[in-house]
Amino acid sequence: MARAFNVKDLQSQGSGNIGATNVARVAGFWPAGFLTFLFDFLKGALAVFVVSFPVFQNWWQNFWSQQSSYNSQIGMNTIWMVGFCAVLGHCFSPWVKFKGGKGVATGLGVIAVIAPIAAVVGVLGFALCFFKTKLGSLSSITGLIATATAYLVEKPSQEYGAYLWIGAALISLIIIRHESNIDALLSGSERKF
Protein backbone atom coordinates (compact mmCIF):
# COMPACT_ATOMS: atom_id res chain seq x y z
CA MET A 1 0.00 0.00 0.00
CA ALA A 2 2.82 2.40 0.86
CA ARG A 3 4.49 1.66 -2.49
CA ALA A 4 1.23 2.42 -4.28
CA PHE A 5 1.46 5.90 -2.74
CA ASN A 6 5.09 6.54 -3.73
CA VAL A 7 6.82 5.34 -0.56
CA LYS A 8 9.73 3.24 -1.82
CA ASP A 9 10.92 1.69 1.45
CA LEU A 10 8.49 2.00 4.35
CA GLN A 11 10.79 0.08 6.68
CA SER A 12 13.40 2.83 6.47
CA GLN A 13 10.94 5.63 7.29
CA GLY A 14 9.00 6.65 10.37
CA SER A 15 9.07 3.86 12.93
CA GLY A 16 10.11 1.32 10.28
CA ASN A 17 6.94 -0.63 11.00
CA ILE A 18 4.74 -1.87 8.14
CA GLY A 19 1.44 -1.38 9.98
CA ALA A 20 -1.29 1.18 9.40
CA THR A 21 0.06 3.70 11.92
CA ASN A 22 3.41 4.07 10.19
CA VAL A 23 1.82 4.07 6.73
CA ALA A 24 -0.48 6.88 7.91
CA ARG A 25 2.52 8.83 9.25
CA VAL A 26 4.64 8.40 6.13
CA ALA A 27 2.08 8.33 3.29
CA GLY A 28 -0.88 10.08 4.94
CA PHE A 29 -4.00 8.73 6.58
CA TRP A 30 -6.21 9.06 3.53
CA PRO A 31 -6.23 6.86 1.62
CA ALA A 32 -2.96 4.96 2.29
CA GLY A 33 -3.21 4.65 6.07
CA PHE A 34 -6.93 3.93 5.98
CA LEU A 35 -6.58 1.22 3.33
CA THR A 36 -3.69 -0.39 5.20
CA PHE A 37 -5.81 -0.43 8.35
CA LEU A 38 -8.74 -1.90 6.40
CA PHE A 39 -6.68 -4.71 4.87
CA ASP A 40 -4.99 -5.50 8.20
CA PHE A 41 -8.44 -5.58 9.84
CA LEU A 42 -9.80 -7.89 7.14
CA LYS A 43 -6.80 -10.18 7.54
CA GLY A 44 -7.98 -11.04 11.05
CA ALA A 45 -11.72 -10.81 10.43
CA LEU A 46 -11.81 -13.06 7.36
CA ALA A 47 -9.60 -15.72 8.94
CA VAL A 48 -11.97 -16.03 11.91
CA PHE A 49 -15.08 -15.61 9.76
CA VAL A 50 -14.14 -18.62 7.64
CA VAL A 51 -13.99 -20.95 10.64
CA SER A 52 -16.72 -19.47 12.83
CA PHE A 53 -19.84 -19.22 10.70
CA PRO A 54 -22.06 -22.32 10.20
CA VAL A 55 -21.91 -22.28 6.39
CA PHE A 56 -18.13 -22.42 6.49
CA GLN A 57 -18.11 -24.89 9.39
CA ASN A 58 -20.28 -27.29 7.37
CA TRP A 59 -17.99 -26.94 4.36
CA TRP A 60 -14.92 -27.51 6.56
CA GLN A 61 -16.44 -30.55 8.24
CA ASN A 62 -17.46 -32.02 4.86
CA PHE A 63 -13.96 -31.40 3.53
CA TRP A 64 -12.38 -33.32 6.40
CA SER A 65 -14.90 -36.17 6.25
CA GLN A 66 -13.99 -36.66 2.57
CA GLN A 67 -10.25 -36.56 3.26
CA SER A 68 -10.07 -38.84 6.29
CA SER A 69 -11.98 -40.28 9.18
CA TYR A 70 -11.30 -37.09 11.16
CA ASN A 71 -14.54 -35.43 12.28
CA SER A 72 -13.93 -31.72 12.71
CA GLN A 73 -15.71 -30.11 15.63
CA ILE A 74 -15.00 -26.41 15.47
CA GLY A 75 -15.21 -24.73 18.85
CA MET A 76 -14.10 -21.49 20.45
CA ASN A 77 -10.58 -22.82 21.05
CA THR A 78 -10.12 -23.38 17.31
CA ILE A 79 -11.66 -20.03 16.40
CA TRP A 80 -9.44 -18.15 18.85
CA MET A 81 -6.37 -20.08 17.68
CA VAL A 82 -7.06 -19.14 14.06
CA GLY A 83 -7.36 -15.51 15.17
CA PHE A 84 -4.13 -15.71 17.14
CA CYS A 85 -2.34 -17.19 14.12
CA ALA A 86 -3.62 -14.35 11.91
CA VAL A 87 -2.19 -11.79 14.34
CA LEU A 88 1.04 -13.77 14.72
CA GLY A 89 1.44 -13.92 10.93
CA HIS A 90 0.85 -10.19 10.71
CA CYS A 91 3.41 -9.41 13.42
CA PHE A 92 6.06 -11.74 11.98
CA SER A 93 5.34 -11.75 8.27
CA PRO A 94 7.44 -14.15 6.17
CA TRP A 95 7.12 -11.67 3.27
CA VAL A 96 9.30 -9.10 5.05
CA LYS A 97 11.89 -11.28 6.81
CA PHE A 98 9.57 -12.03 9.76
CA LYS A 99 9.11 -8.40 10.64
CA GLY A 100 5.66 -6.91 10.56
CA GLY A 101 3.07 -4.72 12.18
CA LYS A 102 2.03 -4.57 15.80
CA GLY A 103 -1.19 -6.51 15.39
CA VAL A 104 -3.74 -3.91 16.52
CA ALA A 105 -5.87 -3.74 13.35
CA THR A 106 -5.63 -7.49 12.72
CA GLY A 107 -6.51 -8.20 16.37
CA LEU A 108 -9.47 -5.84 16.09
CA GLY A 109 -10.65 -7.79 13.04
CA VAL A 110 -10.48 -11.03 15.04
CA ILE A 111 -12.46 -9.56 17.94
CA ALA A 112 -14.99 -7.88 15.63
CA VAL A 113 -16.12 -11.31 14.40
CA ILE A 114 -15.91 -13.14 17.75
CA ALA A 115 -17.35 -10.40 19.99
CA PRO A 116 -18.60 -7.34 18.08
CA ILE A 117 -19.74 -5.46 21.20
CA ALA A 118 -16.31 -5.79 22.81
CA ALA A 119 -14.75 -4.57 19.54
CA VAL A 120 -16.98 -1.47 19.54
CA VAL A 121 -16.01 -0.74 23.16
CA GLY A 122 -12.35 -1.08 22.16
CA VAL A 123 -12.75 1.33 19.25
CA LEU A 124 -14.46 3.84 21.56
CA GLY A 125 -11.63 3.44 24.10
CA PHE A 126 -9.09 4.03 21.34
CA ALA A 127 -10.96 7.06 19.98
CA LEU A 128 -11.40 8.75 23.37
CA CYS A 129 -7.74 8.27 24.26
CA PHE A 130 -6.55 9.36 20.82
CA PHE A 131 -8.60 12.55 20.74
CA LYS A 132 -7.25 13.45 24.20
CA THR A 133 -3.57 12.50 23.74
CA LYS A 134 -2.89 12.15 19.96
CA LEU A 135 -0.73 9.14 20.88
CA GLY A 136 -1.43 6.13 18.64
CA SER A 137 0.39 3.59 20.79
CA LEU A 138 -1.24 4.63 24.07
CA SER A 139 -4.62 4.72 22.34
CA SER A 140 -4.07 1.23 20.90
CA ILE A 141 -3.16 -0.20 24.30
CA THR A 142 -6.13 1.58 25.90
CA GLY A 143 -8.44 0.19 23.23
CA LEU A 144 -6.98 -3.29 23.74
CA ILE A 145 -7.59 -3.16 27.50
CA ALA A 146 -11.12 -1.81 26.95
CA THR A 147 -11.84 -4.63 24.50
CA ALA A 148 -10.57 -7.33 26.87
CA THR A 149 -12.53 -5.88 29.79
CA ALA A 150 -15.72 -5.61 27.74
CA TYR A 151 -15.32 -9.20 26.56
CA LEU A 152 -14.95 -10.49 30.12
CA VAL A 153 -17.97 -8.47 31.28
CA GLU A 154 -20.08 -9.49 28.28
CA LYS A 155 -19.49 -13.23 28.64
CA PRO A 156 -20.80 -14.97 31.78
CA SER A 157 -17.93 -16.59 33.67
CA GLN A 158 -19.47 -20.07 33.35
CA GLU A 159 -18.98 -19.82 29.57
CA TYR A 160 -15.23 -19.24 29.81
CA GLY A 161 -13.02 -21.92 28.36
CA ALA A 162 -9.40 -22.67 27.56
CA TYR A 163 -9.64 -20.17 24.70
CA LEU A 164 -9.20 -17.38 27.27
CA TRP A 165 -5.54 -18.39 27.43
CA ILE A 166 -5.31 -17.98 23.67
CA GLY A 167 -6.99 -14.57 23.96
CA ALA A 168 -4.52 -13.64 26.71
CA ALA A 169 -1.65 -14.72 24.45
CA LEU A 170 -3.06 -12.56 21.64
CA ILE A 171 -3.25 -9.52 23.95
CA SER A 172 0.24 -10.21 25.30
CA LEU A 173 1.65 -10.46 21.77
CA ILE A 174 0.22 -7.08 20.80
CA ILE A 175 1.50 -5.45 24.01
CA ILE A 176 4.97 -7.00 23.54
CA ARG A 177 5.02 -5.61 19.99
CA HIS A 178 4.48 -2.17 21.57
CA GLU A 179 7.52 -2.51 23.86
CA SER A 180 9.48 0.31 22.21
CA ASN A 181 6.37 2.51 22.30
CA ILE A 182 5.87 1.79 26.00
CA ASP A 183 9.51 2.73 26.65
CA ALA A 184 8.99 5.97 24.71
CA LEU A 185 5.77 6.70 26.61
CA LEU A 186 7.54 6.24 29.94
CA SER A 187 10.40 8.49 28.89
CA GLY A 188 8.04 11.10 27.41
CA SER A 189 9.54 10.78 23.92
CA GLU A 190 6.64 9.09 22.10
CA ARG A 191 5.70 10.97 18.94
CA LYS A 192 2.19 12.40 18.66
CA PHE A 193 0.11 12.47 15.51
C-alpha atoms as a PDB file:
ATOM      1  CA  MET A   1       0.000   0.000   0.000  1.00  0.00           C
ATOM      2  CA  ALA A   2       2.824   2.397   0.861  1.00  0.00           C
ATOM      3  CA  ARG A   3       4.494   1.662  -2.491  1.00  0.00           C
ATOM      4  CA  ALA A   4       1.230   2.422  -4.277  1.00  0.00           C
ATOM      5  CA  PHE A   5       1.456   5.896  -2.744  1.00  0.00           C
ATOM      6  CA  ASN A   6       5.088   6.537  -3.728  1.00  0.00           C
ATOM      7  CA  VAL A   7       6.824   5.340  -0.561  1.00  0.00           C
ATOM      8  CA  LYS A   8       9.728   3.235  -1.822  1.00  0.00           C
ATOM      9  CA  ASP A   9      10.922   1.690   1.454  1.00  0.00           C
ATOM     10  CA  LEU A  10       8.494   1.998   4.349  1.00  0.00           C
ATOM     11  CA  GLN A  11      10.790   0.079   6.681  1.00  0.00           C
ATOM     12  CA  SER A  12      13.404   2.833   6.468  1.00  0.00           C
ATOM     13  CA  GLN A  13      10.937   5.633   7.285  1.00  0.00           C
ATOM     14  CA  GLY A  14       9.001   6.655  10.373  1.00  0.00           C
ATOM     15  CA  SER A  15       9.073   3.861  12.926  1.00  0.00           C
ATOM     16  CA  GLY A  16      10.107   1.320  10.283  1.00  0.00           C
ATOM     17  CA  ASN A  17       6.937  -0.627  11.003  1.00  0.00           C
ATOM     18  CA  ILE A  18       4.740  -1.873   8.141  1.00  0.00           C
ATOM     19  CA  GLY A  19       1.437  -1.378   9.977  1.00  0.00           C
ATOM     20  CA  ALA A  20      -1.292   1.179   9.397  1.00  0.00           C
ATOM     21  CA  THR A  21       0.055   3.704  11.920  1.00  0.00           C
ATOM     22  CA  ASN A  22       3.408   4.067  10.192  1.00  0.00           C
ATOM     23  CA  VAL A  23       1.824   4.069   6.730  1.00  0.00           C
ATOM     24  CA  ALA A  24      -0.476   6.881   7.910  1.00  0.00           C
ATOM     25  CA  ARG A  25       2.516   8.828   9.248  1.00  0.00           C
ATOM     26  CA  VAL A  26       4.643   8.396   6.134  1.00  0.00           C
ATOM     27  CA  ALA A  27       2.077   8.332   3.290  1.00  0.00           C
ATOM     28  CA  GLY A  28      -0.878  10.079   4.936  1.00  0.00           C
ATOM     29  CA  PHE A  29      -3.996   8.732   6.583  1.00  0.00           C
ATOM     30  CA  TRP A  30      -6.213   9.060   3.530  1.00  0.00           C
ATOM     31  CA  PRO A  31      -6.232   6.857   1.618  1.00  0.00           C
ATOM     32  CA  ALA A  32      -2.958   4.956   2.287  1.00  0.00           C
ATOM     33  CA  GLY A  33      -3.209   4.654   6.074  1.00  0.00           C
ATOM     34  CA  PHE A  34      -6.925   3.930   5.975  1.00  0.00           C
ATOM     35  CA  LEU A  35      -6.578   1.219   3.325  1.00  0.00           C
ATOM     36  CA  THR A  36      -3.686  -0.391   5.200  1.00  0.00           C
ATOM     37  CA  PHE A  37      -5.814  -0.434   8.351  1.00  0.00           C
ATOM     38  CA  LEU A  38      -8.743  -1.899   6.404  1.00  0.00           C
ATOM     39  CA  PHE A  39      -6.684  -4.712   4.872  1.00  0.00           C
ATOM     40  CA  ASP A  40      -4.989  -5.497   8.201  1.00  0.00           C
ATOM     41  CA  PHE A  41      -8.435  -5.582   9.844  1.00  0.00           C
ATOM     42  CA  LEU A  42      -9.800  -7.890   7.135  1.00  0.00           C
ATOM     43  CA  LYS A  43      -6.797 -10.183   7.543  1.00  0.00           C
ATOM     44  CA  GLY A  44      -7.983 -11.035  11.054  1.00  0.00           C
ATOM     45  CA  ALA A  45     -11.720 -10.808  10.429  1.00  0.00           C
ATOM     46  CA  LEU A  46     -11.809 -13.059   7.361  1.00  0.00           C
ATOM     47  CA  ALA A  47      -9.601 -15.722   8.943  1.00  0.00           C
ATOM     48  CA  VAL A  48     -11.966 -16.027  11.907  1.00  0.00           C
ATOM     49  CA  PHE A  49     -15.081 -15.608   9.763  1.00  0.00           C
ATOM     50  CA  VAL A  50     -14.142 -18.620   7.644  1.00  0.00           C
ATOM     51  CA  VAL A  51     -13.993 -20.950  10.642  1.00  0.00           C
ATOM     52  CA  SER A  52     -16.715 -19.466  12.834  1.00  0.00           C
ATOM     53  CA  PHE A  53     -19.836 -19.224  10.699  1.00  0.00           C
ATOM     54  CA  PRO A  54     -22.064 -22.320  10.199  1.00  0.00           C
ATOM     55  CA  VAL A  55     -21.908 -22.276   6.387  1.00  0.00           C
ATOM     56  CA  PHE A  56     -18.131 -22.420   6.494  1.00  0.00           C
ATOM     57  CA  GLN A  57     -18.114 -24.891   9.387  1.00  0.00           C
ATOM     58  CA  ASN A  58     -20.280 -27.288   7.368  1.00  0.00           C
ATOM     59  CA  TRP A  59     -17.992 -26.944   4.364  1.00  0.00           C
ATOM     60  CA  TRP A  60     -14.920 -27.505   6.559  1.00  0.00           C
ATOM     61  CA  GLN A  61     -16.436 -30.552   8.238  1.00  0.00           C
ATOM     62  CA  ASN A  62     -17.463 -32.023   4.863  1.00  0.00           C
ATOM     63  CA  PHE A  63     -13.956 -31.402   3.529  1.00  0.00           C
ATOM     64  CA  TRP A  64     -12.378 -33.319   6.400  1.00  0.00           C
ATOM     65  CA  SER A  65     -14.895 -36.166   6.246  1.00  0.00           C
ATOM     66  CA  GLN A  66     -13.987 -36.660   2.571  1.00  0.00           C
ATOM     67  CA  GLN A  67     -10.255 -36.560   3.263  1.00  0.00           C
ATOM     68  CA  SER A  68     -10.068 -38.837   6.292  1.00  0.00           C
ATOM     69  CA  SER A  69     -11.978 -40.284   9.185  1.00  0.00           C
ATOM     70  CA  TYR A  70     -11.304 -37.088  11.155  1.00  0.00           C
ATOM     71  CA  ASN A  71     -14.539 -35.430  12.279  1.00  0.00           C
ATOM     72  CA  SER A  72     -13.925 -31.720  12.713  1.00  0.00           C
ATOM     73  CA  GLN A  73     -15.710 -30.108  15.630  1.00  0.00           C
ATOM     74  CA  ILE A  74     -14.996 -26.408  15.470  1.00  0.00           C
ATOM     75  CA  GLY A  75     -15.214 -24.728  18.848  1.00  0.00           C
ATOM     76  CA  MET A  76     -14.099 -21.495  20.449  1.00  0.00           C
ATOM     77  CA  ASN A  77     -10.583 -22.824  21.052  1.00  0.00           C
ATOM     78  CA  THR A  78     -10.120 -23.380  17.315  1.00  0.00           C
ATOM     79  CA  ILE A  79     -11.664 -20.031  16.400  1.00  0.00           C
ATOM     80  CA  TRP A  80      -9.438 -18.151  18.851  1.00  0.00           C
ATOM     81  CA  MET A  81      -6.366 -20.078  17.683  1.00  0.00           C
ATOM     82  CA  VAL A  82      -7.057 -19.135  14.064  1.00  0.00           C
ATOM     83  CA  GLY A  83      -7.364 -15.510  15.167  1.00  0.00           C
ATOM     84  CA  PHE A  84      -4.130 -15.711  17.138  1.00  0.00           C
ATOM     85  CA  CYS A  85      -2.343 -17.190  14.116  1.00  0.00           C
ATOM     86  CA  ALA A  86      -3.622 -14.352  11.912  1.00  0.00           C
ATOM     87  CA  VAL A  87      -2.186 -11.787  14.338  1.00  0.00           C
ATOM     88  CA  LEU A  88       1.044 -13.769  14.718  1.00  0.00           C
ATOM     89  CA  GLY A  89       1.438 -13.923  10.928  1.00  0.00           C
ATOM     90  CA  HIS A  90       0.849 -10.186  10.712  1.00  0.00           C
ATOM     91  CA  CYS A  91       3.415  -9.407  13.417  1.00  0.00           C
ATOM     92  CA  PHE A  92       6.065 -11.743  11.981  1.00  0.00           C
ATOM     93  CA  SER A  93       5.339 -11.750   8.268  1.00  0.00           C
ATOM     94  CA  PRO A  94       7.445 -14.147   6.174  1.00  0.00           C
ATOM     95  CA  TRP A  95       7.122 -11.666   3.268  1.00  0.00           C
ATOM     96  CA  VAL A  96       9.302  -9.097   5.046  1.00  0.00           C
ATOM     97  CA  LYS A  97      11.891 -11.281   6.808  1.00  0.00           C
ATOM     98  CA  PHE A  98       9.574 -12.026   9.759  1.00  0.00           C
ATOM     99  CA  LYS A  99       9.110  -8.395  10.637  1.00  0.00           C
ATOM    100  CA  GLY A 100       5.656  -6.913  10.556  1.00  0.00           C
ATOM    101  CA  GLY A 101       3.065  -4.723  12.177  1.00  0.00           C
ATOM    102  CA  LYS A 102       2.030  -4.567  15.804  1.00  0.00           C
ATOM    103  CA  GLY A 103      -1.191  -6.509  15.392  1.00  0.00           C
ATOM    104  CA  VAL A 104      -3.738  -3.914  16.516  1.00  0.00           C
ATOM    105  CA  ALA A 105      -5.873  -3.737  13.355  1.00  0.00           C
ATOM    106  CA  THR A 106      -5.627  -7.489  12.722  1.00  0.00           C
ATOM    107  CA  GLY A 107      -6.508  -8.202  16.368  1.00  0.00           C
ATOM    108  CA  LEU A 108      -9.475  -5.845  16.091  1.00  0.00           C
ATOM    109  CA  GLY A 109     -10.652  -7.793  13.041  1.00  0.00           C
ATOM    110  CA  VAL A 110     -10.478 -11.027  15.038  1.00  0.00           C
ATOM    111  CA  ILE A 111     -12.459  -9.560  17.938  1.00  0.00           C
ATOM    112  CA  ALA A 112     -14.994  -7.881  15.627  1.00  0.00           C
ATOM    113  CA  VAL A 113     -16.119 -11.312  14.404  1.00  0.00           C
ATOM    114  CA  ILE A 114     -15.912 -13.139  17.750  1.00  0.00           C
ATOM    115  CA  ALA A 115     -17.346 -10.397  19.993  1.00  0.00           C
ATOM    116  CA  PRO A 116     -18.596  -7.337  18.078  1.00  0.00           C
ATOM    117  CA  ILE A 117     -19.743  -5.461  21.197  1.00  0.00           C
ATOM    118  CA  ALA A 118     -16.312  -5.790  22.808  1.00  0.00           C
ATOM    119  CA  ALA A 119     -14.750  -4.569  19.538  1.00  0.00           C
ATOM    120  CA  VAL A 120     -16.980  -1.472  19.536  1.00  0.00           C
ATOM    121  CA  VAL A 121     -16.013  -0.740  23.157  1.00  0.00           C
ATOM    122  CA  GLY A 122     -12.347  -1.079  22.165  1.00  0.00           C
ATOM    123  CA  VAL A 123     -12.754   1.331  19.245  1.00  0.00           C
ATOM    124  CA  LEU A 124     -14.460   3.836  21.556  1.00  0.00           C
ATOM    125  CA  GLY A 125     -11.629   3.444  24.096  1.00  0.00           C
ATOM    126  CA  PHE A 126      -9.086   4.032  21.339  1.00  0.00           C
ATOM    127  CA  ALA A 127     -10.959   7.065  19.982  1.00  0.00           C
ATOM    128  CA  LEU A 128     -11.397   8.745  23.369  1.00  0.00           C
ATOM    129  CA  CYS A 129      -7.739   8.274  24.256  1.00  0.00           C
ATOM    130  CA  PHE A 130      -6.546   9.359  20.819  1.00  0.00           C
ATOM    131  CA  PHE A 131      -8.598  12.552  20.744  1.00  0.00           C
ATOM    132  CA  LYS A 132      -7.251  13.448  24.198  1.00  0.00           C
ATOM    133  CA  THR A 133      -3.573  12.502  23.735  1.00  0.00           C
ATOM    134  CA  LYS A 134      -2.893  12.150  19.962  1.00  0.00           C
ATOM    135  CA  LEU A 135      -0.728   9.136  20.879  1.00  0.00           C
ATOM    136  CA  GLY A 136      -1.431   6.135  18.635  1.00  0.00           C
ATOM    137  CA  SER A 137       0.390   3.595  20.788  1.00  0.00           C
ATOM    138  CA  LEU A 138      -1.242   4.634  24.073  1.00  0.00           C
ATOM    139  CA  SER A 139      -4.625   4.721  22.343  1.00  0.00           C
ATOM    140  CA  SER A 140      -4.069   1.233  20.904  1.00  0.00           C
ATOM    141  CA  ILE A 141      -3.155  -0.196  24.303  1.00  0.00           C
ATOM    142  CA  THR A 142      -6.131   1.581  25.904  1.00  0.00           C
ATOM    143  CA  GLY A 143      -8.444   0.185  23.235  1.00  0.00           C
ATOM    144  CA  LEU A 144      -6.983  -3.288  23.743  1.00  0.00           C
ATOM    145  CA  ILE A 145      -7.595  -3.157  27.500  1.00  0.00           C
ATOM    146  CA  ALA A 146     -11.121  -1.806  26.948  1.00  0.00           C
ATOM    147  CA  THR A 147     -11.844  -4.629  24.502  1.00  0.00           C
ATOM    148  CA  ALA A 148     -10.573  -7.332  26.870  1.00  0.00           C
ATOM    149  CA  THR A 149     -12.529  -5.881  29.792  1.00  0.00           C
ATOM    150  CA  ALA A 150     -15.722  -5.605  27.736  1.00  0.00           C
ATOM    151  CA  TYR A 151     -15.315  -9.203  26.564  1.00  0.00           C
ATOM    152  CA  LEU A 152     -14.952 -10.494  30.124  1.00  0.00           C
ATOM    153  CA  VAL A 153     -17.966  -8.469  31.284  1.00  0.00           C
ATOM    154  CA  GLU A 154     -20.078  -9.486  28.280  1.00  0.00           C
ATOM    155  CA  LYS A 155     -19.487 -13.228  28.642  1.00  0.00           C
ATOM    156  CA  PRO A 156     -20.800 -14.970  31.780  1.00  0.00           C
ATOM    157  CA  SER A 157     -17.933 -16.588  33.666  1.00  0.00           C
ATOM    158  CA  GLN A 158     -19.468 -20.075  33.352  1.00  0.00           C
ATOM    159  CA  GLU A 159     -18.985 -19.823  29.566  1.00  0.00           C
ATOM    160  CA  TYR A 160     -15.228 -19.245  29.815  1.00  0.00           C
ATOM    161  CA  GLY A 161     -13.023 -21.917  28.362  1.00  0.00           C
ATOM    162  CA  ALA A 162      -9.401 -22.665  27.556  1.00  0.00           C
ATOM    163  CA  TYR A 163      -9.641 -20.172  24.699  1.00  0.00           C
ATOM    164  CA  LEU A 164      -9.203 -17.377  27.268  1.00  0.00           C
ATOM    165  CA  TRP A 165      -5.537 -18.393  27.433  1.00  0.00           C
ATOM    166  CA  ILE A 166      -5.306 -17.983  23.667  1.00  0.00           C
ATOM    167  CA  GLY A 167      -6.990 -14.573  23.963  1.00  0.00           C
ATOM    168  CA  ALA A 168      -4.524 -13.638  26.713  1.00  0.00           C
ATOM    169  CA  ALA A 169      -1.649 -14.721  24.454  1.00  0.00           C
ATOM    170  CA  LEU A 170      -3.062 -12.555  21.641  1.00  0.00           C
ATOM    171  CA  ILE A 171      -3.249  -9.523  23.948  1.00  0.00           C
ATOM    172  CA  SER A 172       0.245 -10.210  25.304  1.00  0.00           C
ATOM    173  CA  LEU A 173       1.655 -10.461  21.773  1.00  0.00           C
ATOM    174  CA  ILE A 174       0.223  -7.077  20.805  1.00  0.00           C
ATOM    175  CA  ILE A 175       1.497  -5.454  24.011  1.00  0.00           C
ATOM    176  CA  ILE A 176       4.966  -6.997  23.536  1.00  0.00           C
ATOM    177  CA  ARG A 177       5.015  -5.606  19.995  1.00  0.00           C
ATOM    178  CA  HIS A 178       4.485  -2.173  21.571  1.00  0.00           C
ATOM    179  CA  GLU A 179       7.520  -2.512  23.864  1.00  0.00           C
ATOM    180  CA  SER A 180       9.479   0.308  22.206  1.00  0.00           C
ATOM    181  CA  ASN A 181       6.371   2.510  22.300  1.00  0.00           C
ATOM    182  CA  ILE A 182       5.867   1.795  25.999  1.00  0.00           C
ATOM    183  CA  ASP A 183       9.508   2.732  26.650  1.00  0.00           C
ATOM    184  CA  ALA A 184       8.994   5.967  24.706  1.00  0.00           C
ATOM    185  CA  LEU A 185       5.774   6.702  26.606  1.00  0.00           C
ATOM    186  CA  LEU A 186       7.540   6.235  29.936  1.00  0.00           C
ATOM    187  CA  SER A 187      10.401   8.489  28.887  1.00  0.00           C
ATOM    188  CA  GLY A 188       8.038  11.100  27.405  1.00  0.00           C
ATOM    189  CA  SER A 189       9.538  10.785  23.919  1.00  0.00           C
ATOM    190  CA  GLU A 190       6.639   9.086  22.098  1.00  0.00           C
ATOM    191  CA  ARG A 191       5.699  10.972  18.940  1.00  0.00           C
ATOM    192  CA  LYS A 192       2.194  12.396  18.659  1.00  0.00           C
ATOM    193  CA  PHE A 193       0.113  12.471  15.511  1.00  0.00           C
END
